[in-house]
Amino acid sequence: MRVEMLIVPDCPNGPVLKERLELVLAGRTDVELAEHVVEGQAEAERRGMHGSPTLLVDGRDPFAEPDAPATVSCRLYRSADGRIGGAPSMEELRRVLGIPGTGTGGADRAAGRAG
């Protein structure tokens, strides 16, 4: 599986997403994680970026709304419980990556950020 992070320069939520991905993917040798800094609208359109940060799993954005336009703006994510954050929660990442949860709700908080 190929997992890519698309971010704009100095995106404050890029490091949050990266940290959560590293925790969720720890020990997985079958996943390639890449990070790309997107500099403009044309590149956002070419890469399929729907705001920063965007997560692509095998080239597809599992969080994008149908027909969402490409953009280099900031992006917000809504969790299953309705909370809004600048990056998907670890629970949501596990879900879209097909990784079973640990059953310990504290793992998200251990990452330094709830949600």
C-alpha atoms as a PDB file:
ATOM      1  CA  MET A   1       0.000   0.000   0.000  1.00  0.00           C
ATOM      2  CA  ARG A   2       1.209   3.505  -0.824  1.00  0.00           C
ATOM      3  CA  VAL A   3       0.209   6.290   1.578  1.00  0.00           C
ATOM      4  CA  GLU A   4       0.969   9.891   0.617  1.00  0.00           C
ATOM      5  CA  MET A   5       0.603  13.116   2.552  1.00  0.00           C
ATOM      6  CA  LEU A   6       0.042  16.265   0.509  1.00  0.00           C
ATOM      7  CA  ILE A   7       0.651  19.507   2.388  1.00  0.00           C
ATOM      8  CA  VAL A   8       1.213  23.164   1.637  1.00  0.00           C
ATOM      9  CA  PRO A   9       4.361  24.861   2.954  1.00  0.00           C
ATOM     10  CA  ASP A  10       4.225  25.480   6.720  1.00  0.00           C
ATOM     11  CA  CYS A  11       0.906  23.642   7.159  1.00  0.00           C
ATOM     12  CA  PRO A  12       0.442  23.349  10.948  1.00  0.00           C
ATOM     13  CA  ASN A  13      -1.563  20.127  10.575  1.00  0.00           C
ATOM     14  CA  GLY A  14       0.979  18.320   8.397  1.00  0.00           C
ATOM     15  CA  PRO A  15       3.095  17.261  11.400  1.00  0.00           C
ATOM     16  CA  VAL A  16      -0.071  16.148  13.246  1.00  0.00           C
ATOM     17  CA  LEU A  17      -1.086  13.868  10.379  1.00  0.00           C
ATOM     18  CA  LYS A  18       2.455  12.564   9.984  1.00  0.00           C
ATOM     19  CA  GLU A  19       2.733  11.710  13.689  1.00  0.00           C
ATOM     20  CA  ARG A  20      -0.598   9.906  13.671  1.00  0.00           C
ATOM     21  CA  LEU A  21       0.277   7.973  10.519  1.00  0.00           C
ATOM     22  CA  GLU A  22       3.621   6.906  11.968  1.00  0.00           C
ATOM     23  CA  LEU A  23       1.876   5.627  15.105  1.00  0.00           C
ATOM     24  CA  VAL A  24      -0.868   3.822  13.182  1.00  0.00           C
ATOM     25  CA  LEU A  25       1.593   2.315  10.687  1.00  0.00           C
ATOM     26  CA  ALA A  26       4.266   1.332  13.231  1.00  0.00           C
ATOM     27  CA  GLY A  27       5.711  -2.053  12.371  1.00  0.00           C
ATOM     28  CA  ARG A  28       4.022  -2.241   8.959  1.00  0.00           C
ATOM     29  CA  THR A  29       6.550  -3.184   6.306  1.00  0.00           C
ATOM     30  CA  ASP A  30       3.934  -3.400   3.540  1.00  0.00           C
ATOM     31  CA  VAL A  31       3.233   0.358   3.529  1.00  0.00           C
ATOM     32  CA  GLU A  32       5.225   3.056   1.765  1.00  0.00           C
ATOM     33  CA  LEU A  33       4.722   6.501   3.353  1.00  0.00           C
ATOM     34  CA  ALA A  34       5.608   9.591   1.314  1.00  0.00           C
ATOM     35  CA  GLU A  35       5.201  13.319   1.921  1.00  0.00           C
ATOM     36  CA  HIS A  36       4.869  15.969  -0.797  1.00  0.00           C
ATOM     37  CA  VAL A  37       4.831  19.736  -0.353  1.00  0.00           C
ATOM     38  CA  VAL A  38       2.437  21.219  -2.911  1.00  0.00           C
ATOM     39  CA  GLU A  39       3.392  24.688  -4.085  1.00  0.00           C
ATOM     40  CA  GLY A  40       0.420  25.763  -6.200  1.00  0.00           C
ATOM     41  CA  GLN A  41      -3.035  25.122  -7.612  1.00  0.00           C
ATOM     42  CA  ALA A  42      -1.816  23.352 -10.767  1.00  0.00           C
ATOM     43  CA  GLU A  43       0.159  20.846  -8.698  1.00  0.00           C
ATOM     44  CA  ALA A  44      -2.817  20.416  -6.331  1.00  0.00           C
ATOM     45  CA  GLU A  45      -5.003  19.534  -9.306  1.00  0.00           C
ATOM     46  CA  ARG A  46      -2.413  17.141 -10.738  1.00  0.00           C
ATOM     47  CA  ARG A  47      -1.905  15.327  -7.407  1.00  0.00           C
ATOM     48  CA  GLY A  48      -5.560  15.321  -6.285  1.00  0.00           C
ATOM     49  CA  MET A  49      -5.131  17.563  -3.256  1.00  0.00           C
ATOM     50  CA  HIS A  50      -8.359  18.594  -1.508  1.00  0.00           C
ATOM     51  CA  GLY A  51      -6.828  20.935   1.058  1.00  0.00           C
ATOM     52  CA  SER A  52      -3.868  20.647   3.385  1.00  0.00           C
ATOM     53  CA  PRO A  53      -3.211  18.096   4.632  1.00  0.00           C
ATOM     54  CA  THR A  54      -4.603  15.561   2.158  1.00  0.00           C
ATOM     55  CA  LEU A  55      -4.090  11.835   2.618  1.00  0.00           C
ATOM     56  CA  LEU A  56      -3.927   9.618  -0.456  1.00  0.00           C
ATOM     57  CA  VAL A  57      -4.153   5.844  -0.120  1.00  0.00           C
ATOM     58  CA  ASP A  58      -3.006   4.156  -3.325  1.00  0.00           C
ATOM     59  CA  GLY A  59      -3.695   7.444  -5.126  1.00  0.00           C
ATOM     60  CA  ARG A  60      -7.211   7.967  -3.717  1.00  0.00           C
ATOM     61  CA  ASP A  61      -8.385  10.438  -1.068  1.00  0.00           C
ATOM     62  CA  PRO A  62     -10.632   8.393   1.243  1.00  0.00           C
ATOM     63  CA  PHE A  63     -11.910  11.523   3.008  1.00  0.00           C
ATOM     64  CA  ALA A  64     -12.825  13.636  -0.047  1.00  0.00           C
ATOM     65  CA  GLU A  65     -16.430  14.505  -0.754  1.00  0.00           C
ATOM     66  CA  PRO A  66     -17.633  13.475  -4.232  1.00  0.00           C
ATOM     67  CA  ASP A  67     -16.745  16.123  -6.807  1.00  0.00           C
ATOM     68  CA  ALA A  68     -14.631  18.072  -4.289  1.00  0.00           C
ATOM     69  CA  PRO A  69     -12.402  20.523  -6.159  1.00  0.00           C
ATOM     70  CA  ALA A  70      -8.646  20.491  -5.839  1.00  0.00           C
ATOM     71  CA  THR A  71      -7.381  23.268  -3.579  1.00  0.00           C
ATOM     72  CA  VAL A  72      -4.305  24.428  -1.662  1.00  0.00           C
ATOM     73  CA  SER A  73      -6.373  25.813   1.221  1.00  0.00           C
ATOM     74  CA  CYS A  74      -6.460  24.473   4.777  1.00  0.00           C
ATOM     75  CA  ARG A  75      -8.576  21.387   5.312  1.00  0.00           C
ATOM     76  CA  LEU A  76     -10.748  20.318   8.222  1.00  0.00           C
ATOM     77  CA  TYR A  77     -11.839  16.779   9.077  1.00  0.00           C
ATOM     78  CA  ARG A  78     -14.951  15.732  10.982  1.00  0.00           C
ATOM     79  CA  SER A  79     -14.555  12.657  13.196  1.00  0.00           C
ATOM     80  CA  ALA A  80     -17.219   9.998  13.692  1.00  0.00           C
ATOM     81  CA  ASP A  81     -18.299  11.716  16.914  1.00  0.00           C
ATOM     82  CA  GLY A  82     -18.700  15.083  15.162  1.00  0.00           C
ATOM     83  CA  ARG A  83     -15.519  16.769  16.388  1.00  0.00           C
ATOM     84  CA  ILE A  84     -13.636  18.878  13.857  1.00  0.00           C
ATOM     85  CA  GLY A  85      -9.853  18.837  13.567  1.00  0.00           C
ATOM     86  CA  GLY A  86      -7.056  19.652  11.183  1.00  0.00           C
ATOM     87  CA  ALA A  87      -6.180  15.993  10.561  1.00  0.00           C
ATOM     88  CA  PRO A  88      -8.051  12.688  10.670  1.00  0.00           C
ATOM     89  CA  SER A  89      -8.131  10.974  14.064  1.00  0.00           C
ATOM     90  CA  MET A  90      -6.101   7.831  14.605  1.00  0.00           C
ATOM     91  CA  GLU A  91      -9.368   5.879  14.669  1.00  0.00           C
ATOM     92  CA  GLU A  92     -10.346   7.264  11.251  1.00  0.00           C
ATOM     93  CA  LEU A  93      -6.866   6.546   9.885  1.00  0.00           C
ATOM     94  CA  ARG A  94      -7.082   2.943  11.086  1.00  0.00           C
ATOM     95  CA  ARG A  95     -10.489   2.621   9.441  1.00  0.00           C
ATOM     96  CA  VAL A  96      -9.442   3.922   6.003  1.00  0.00           C
ATOM     97  CA  LEU A  97      -6.165   1.971   6.096  1.00  0.00           C
ATOM     98  CA  GLY A  98      -7.893  -1.251   7.150  1.00  0.00           C
ATOM     99  CA  ILE A  99      -5.921  -1.521  10.391  1.00  0.00           C
ATOM    100  CA  PRO A 100      -7.709  -2.941  13.451  1.00  0.00           C
ATOM    101  CA  GLY A 101      -7.902  -0.633  16.475  1.00  0.00           C
ATOM    102  CA  THR A 102      -5.874  -1.313  19.573  1.00  0.00           C
ATOM    103  CA  GLY A 103      -8.869  -1.041  21.873  1.00  0.00           C
ATOM    104  CA  THR A 104      -7.069   1.582  23.949  1.00  0.00           C
ATOM    105  CA  GLY A 105      -8.643   4.989  23.534  1.00  0.00           C
ATOM    106  CA  GLY A 106      -5.617   6.525  25.233  1.00  0.00           C
ATOM    107  CA  ALA A 107      -3.400   5.832  22.237  1.00  0.00           C
ATOM    108  CA  ASP A 108      -4.797   8.893  20.435  1.00  0.00           C
ATOM    109  CA  ARG A 109      -4.126  11.068  23.446  1.00  0.00           C
ATOM    110  CA  ALA A 110      -0.656   9.558  23.812  1.00  0.00           C
ATOM    111  CA  ALA A 111       0.126  11.121  20.440  1.00  0.00           C
ATOM    112  CA  GLY A 112      -0.242  14.483  22.112  1.00  0.00           C
ATOM    113  CA  ARG A 113      -3.522  15.315  20.436  1.00  0.00           C
ATOM    114  CA  ALA A 114      -6.984  13.938  20.975  1.00  0.00           C
ATOM    115  CA  GLY A 115      -9.120  13.131  17.964  1.00  0.00           C
END
